[in-house]
Amino acid sequence: MRKLPLPAISFALALLTTGFKISDRGENKPTVQSFFGGSHYVRAIPSNDYGDEGRTRVFRVKKDKDELLEEFPVYMRGDVFLGWSPLAGKWVVVHVEPTRITGNDDWLKLGAVSRLAFYMGGMKTQSYSDADLEQMGLKQKVQTLAQKRADNFVVRGIRQIPRTNHYVFVIERTAVNGGDSEEIRFDITTGKKFRNRK
């Protein structure tokens, strides 16, 4: 049996590593998400392959040059939601960060959320870890609550409270008693749970 020379083995390993890098598997990448019918967008650019170093910017689309509205000193990987608060007079970004998938054996982590964070005025106003979310009954993010499994939730996004200037971030979860679903609402300006004022 003929042996491969050491340089050939080294070259083959370099190609395998490059293939892994090209696939962006488990790595950060620049993203753009649009809102309000495409008139606004959020652009997230990472500084590194892993972690949250980088920046996220909010733009309004203009005819000649897009207008920068807000900038946050963090890379937001995953789903972001853009809103405007008339009460604060500022742009708000809500970030739903998925748990990082690092290998083929991590399929059980699909749908898991590692962090829910609220940003306004260029700063983070509130953040919830995966443990915080689990305490609220929010363990597995799904597309629909049809199966009514415990700890499943659907992100509904930013909504206005009717006849007010209050906007909330809405998450719908399977009810604890197994009945109809229930909503958890967060004030988009503070990130704290929102309760209707009587």
Protein backbone atom coordinates (compact mmCIF):
# COMPACT_ATOMS: atom_id res chain seq x y z
CA MET A 1 0.00 0.00 0.00
CA ARG A 2 1.32 3.36 -1.03
CA LYS A 3 1.53 6.15 1.57
CA LEU A 4 0.64 9.77 0.83
CA PRO A 5 3.45 12.24 1.41
CA LEU A 6 3.08 14.67 4.32
CA PRO A 7 2.66 17.76 2.04
CA ALA A 8 -0.31 16.09 0.28
CA ILE A 9 -1.97 15.31 3.61
CA SER A 10 -1.42 18.89 4.81
CA PHE A 11 -2.89 20.26 1.58
CA ALA A 12 -5.96 18.00 1.89
CA LEU A 13 -6.55 19.13 5.48
CA ALA A 14 -6.27 22.77 4.41
CA LEU A 15 -8.92 22.18 1.73
CA LEU A 16 -11.26 20.56 4.24
CA THR A 17 -10.84 23.49 6.62
CA THR A 18 -11.45 25.96 3.79
CA GLY A 19 -14.61 24.07 2.81
CA PHE A 20 -15.87 24.41 6.37
CA LYS A 21 -15.08 28.13 6.36
CA ILE A 22 -16.75 28.73 2.99
CA SER A 23 -19.93 27.05 4.19
CA ASP A 24 -20.27 29.66 7.00
CA ARG A 25 -21.48 26.81 9.16
CA GLY A 26 -21.86 28.06 12.72
CA GLU A 27 -20.25 31.40 11.86
CA ASN A 28 -21.43 35.01 11.81
CA LYS A 29 -22.23 36.63 8.50
CA PRO A 30 -23.47 40.06 7.36
CA THR A 31 -27.28 40.23 7.13
CA VAL A 32 -29.99 42.66 6.01
CA GLN A 33 -33.66 42.54 7.05
CA SER A 34 -36.24 44.92 5.59
CA PHE A 35 -39.34 46.49 7.20
CA PHE A 36 -42.34 48.65 6.39
CA GLY A 37 -42.69 47.36 2.84
CA GLY A 38 -38.97 47.76 2.13
CA SER A 39 -38.75 51.47 3.02
CA HIS A 40 -36.46 50.71 6.00
CA TYR A 41 -33.89 48.04 6.72
CA VAL A 42 -31.58 46.80 9.45
CA ARG A 43 -28.02 45.89 8.46
CA ALA A 44 -25.94 43.77 10.87
CA ILE A 45 -22.19 43.42 10.29
CA PRO A 46 -20.02 41.19 12.53
CA SER A 47 -16.42 41.99 13.46
CA ASN A 48 -15.53 38.34 14.08
CA ASP A 49 -16.65 34.87 13.02
CA TYR A 50 -18.17 34.25 16.46
CA GLY A 51 -19.68 36.38 19.21
CA ASP A 52 -21.63 39.63 19.09
CA GLU A 53 -18.88 42.13 18.31
CA GLY A 54 -19.79 44.35 15.38
CA ARG A 55 -22.51 46.87 14.61
CA THR A 56 -26.14 46.99 13.59
CA ARG A 57 -27.51 49.98 11.70
CA VAL A 58 -31.02 51.14 10.83
CA PHE A 59 -31.50 52.84 7.43
CA ARG A 60 -34.31 54.59 5.58
CA VAL A 61 -34.23 53.96 1.82
CA LYS A 62 -33.75 57.18 -0.16
CA LYS A 63 -33.57 57.87 -3.89
CA ASP A 64 -29.89 58.80 -3.98
CA LYS A 65 -28.29 57.70 -0.70
CA ASP A 66 -29.89 55.77 2.14
CA GLU A 67 -30.28 57.67 5.42
CA LEU A 68 -28.69 56.26 8.58
CA LEU A 69 -31.27 56.55 11.38
CA GLU A 70 -29.69 54.64 14.25
CA GLU A 71 -26.62 52.61 15.11
CA PHE A 72 -26.08 49.97 17.79
CA PRO A 73 -22.58 48.75 18.82
CA VAL A 74 -23.45 45.06 18.61
CA TYR A 75 -23.84 42.42 15.91
CA MET A 76 -27.39 41.03 15.98
CA ARG A 77 -27.48 37.47 14.67
CA GLY A 78 -30.91 36.00 14.05
CA ASP A 79 -34.27 37.77 13.89
CA VAL A 80 -34.60 41.51 14.45
CA PHE A 81 -37.75 43.61 14.61
CA LEU A 82 -37.79 47.35 13.92
CA GLY A 83 -40.23 49.78 15.48
CA TRP A 84 -40.75 53.47 16.15
CA SER A 85 -41.89 54.78 19.51
CA PRO A 86 -43.90 58.03 19.26
CA LEU A 87 -43.67 58.35 23.06
CA ALA A 88 -39.85 58.23 23.10
CA GLY A 89 -39.34 59.69 19.62
CA LYS A 90 -36.75 56.99 18.89
CA TRP A 91 -36.19 53.87 16.82
CA VAL A 92 -36.34 50.55 18.61
CA VAL A 93 -34.82 47.20 17.63
CA VAL A 94 -35.86 43.93 19.26
CA HIS A 95 -33.40 41.08 18.78
CA VAL A 96 -34.34 37.40 19.05
CA GLU A 97 -31.03 35.51 19.00
CA PRO A 98 -31.17 31.77 18.25
CA THR A 99 -29.00 29.33 20.14
CA ARG A 100 -25.87 28.77 18.12
CA ILE A 101 -25.72 25.47 16.22
CA THR A 102 -22.12 24.27 16.22
CA GLY A 103 -22.41 20.73 14.89
CA ASN A 104 -24.60 18.04 13.37
CA ASP A 105 -25.51 16.73 16.83
CA ASP A 106 -27.10 20.06 17.84
CA TRP A 107 -30.43 19.44 16.08
CA LEU A 108 -32.20 19.46 19.46
CA LYS A 109 -31.24 23.14 19.77
CA LEU A 110 -33.24 24.10 16.67
CA GLY A 111 -35.86 26.64 17.73
CA ALA A 112 -34.11 27.42 21.01
CA VAL A 113 -33.48 31.11 21.74
CA SER A 114 -30.35 32.15 23.63
CA ARG A 115 -31.34 35.79 24.18
CA LEU A 116 -34.14 38.34 23.75
CA ALA A 117 -32.83 41.92 23.81
CA PHE A 118 -34.32 45.40 23.39
CA TYR A 119 -32.39 48.38 22.02
CA MET A 120 -33.30 52.06 21.78
CA GLY A 121 -31.29 55.24 21.25
CA GLY A 122 -28.16 53.30 20.35
CA MET A 123 -28.16 51.35 23.64
CA LYS A 124 -29.50 48.12 25.09
CA THR A 125 -32.44 48.77 27.42
CA GLN A 126 -33.23 45.21 28.51
CA SER A 127 -32.05 41.66 27.91
CA TYR A 128 -33.40 38.21 28.79
CA SER A 129 -31.21 35.08 28.82
CA ASP A 130 -32.38 31.62 27.80
CA ALA A 131 -32.92 30.82 31.50
CA ASP A 132 -35.09 33.96 31.91
CA LEU A 133 -37.16 32.98 28.87
CA GLU A 134 -37.58 29.42 30.11
CA GLN A 135 -38.97 30.77 33.41
CA MET A 136 -41.61 32.62 31.35
CA GLY A 137 -42.54 29.36 29.62
CA LEU A 138 -40.67 30.26 26.41
CA LYS A 139 -38.40 27.36 25.54
CA GLN A 140 -38.96 26.36 21.90
CA LYS A 141 -39.66 28.88 19.11
CA VAL A 142 -41.97 27.37 16.49
CA GLN A 143 -43.89 28.51 13.39
CA THR A 144 -47.32 27.56 14.73
CA LEU A 145 -48.87 26.56 18.06
CA ALA A 146 -51.11 23.94 16.43
CA GLN A 147 -49.55 21.07 18.42
CA LYS A 148 -50.01 22.89 21.77
CA ARG A 149 -46.82 21.54 23.30
CA ALA A 150 -45.68 23.03 26.58
CA ASP A 151 -43.03 25.77 26.35
CA ASN A 152 -43.64 26.37 22.61
CA PHE A 153 -43.96 29.97 21.46
CA VAL A 154 -44.43 32.06 18.33
CA VAL A 155 -42.99 35.56 17.88
CA ARG A 156 -45.74 37.90 16.66
CA GLY A 157 -43.60 41.06 16.43
CA ILE A 158 -44.27 44.69 17.26
CA ARG A 159 -47.89 45.85 17.59
CA GLN A 160 -49.65 49.03 18.61
CA ILE A 161 -51.98 49.01 21.61
CA PRO A 162 -55.28 50.19 20.07
CA ARG A 163 -56.14 53.87 20.59
CA THR A 164 -52.79 54.60 22.27
CA ASN A 165 -49.23 55.53 21.33
CA HIS A 166 -47.91 52.44 23.12
CA TYR A 167 -46.16 49.76 21.09
CA VAL A 168 -45.43 46.29 22.41
CA PHE A 169 -43.42 43.27 21.32
CA VAL A 170 -45.74 40.27 21.35
CA ILE A 171 -44.89 36.62 21.94
CA GLU A 172 -47.69 34.04 21.93
CA ARG A 173 -47.13 30.87 23.92
CA THR A 174 -48.96 27.66 24.62
CA ALA A 175 -51.09 28.17 27.70
CA VAL A 176 -49.81 26.52 30.87
CA ASN A 177 -53.12 24.70 31.41
CA GLY A 178 -53.12 23.36 27.83
CA GLY A 179 -56.06 25.52 26.77
CA ASP A 180 -55.97 28.47 24.41
CA SER A 181 -52.69 30.24 23.82
CA GLU A 182 -51.74 33.37 25.74
CA GLU A 183 -49.67 36.45 24.96
CA ILE A 184 -46.68 37.91 26.73
CA ARG A 185 -46.18 41.56 25.81
CA PHE A 186 -43.11 43.73 26.36
CA ASP A 187 -42.95 47.53 26.21
CA ILE A 188 -40.62 48.20 23.27
CA THR A 189 -39.04 51.25 24.94
CA THR A 190 -38.06 49.51 28.20
CA GLY A 191 -38.16 45.80 27.33
CA LYS A 192 -40.16 45.18 30.49
CA LYS A 193 -43.42 43.25 30.56
CA PHE A 194 -46.31 45.47 29.52
CA ARG A 195 -49.48 45.61 31.55
CA ASN A 196 -52.50 47.58 30.39
CA ARG A 197 -53.13 50.67 32.43
CA LYS A 198 -56.72 51.09 33.59
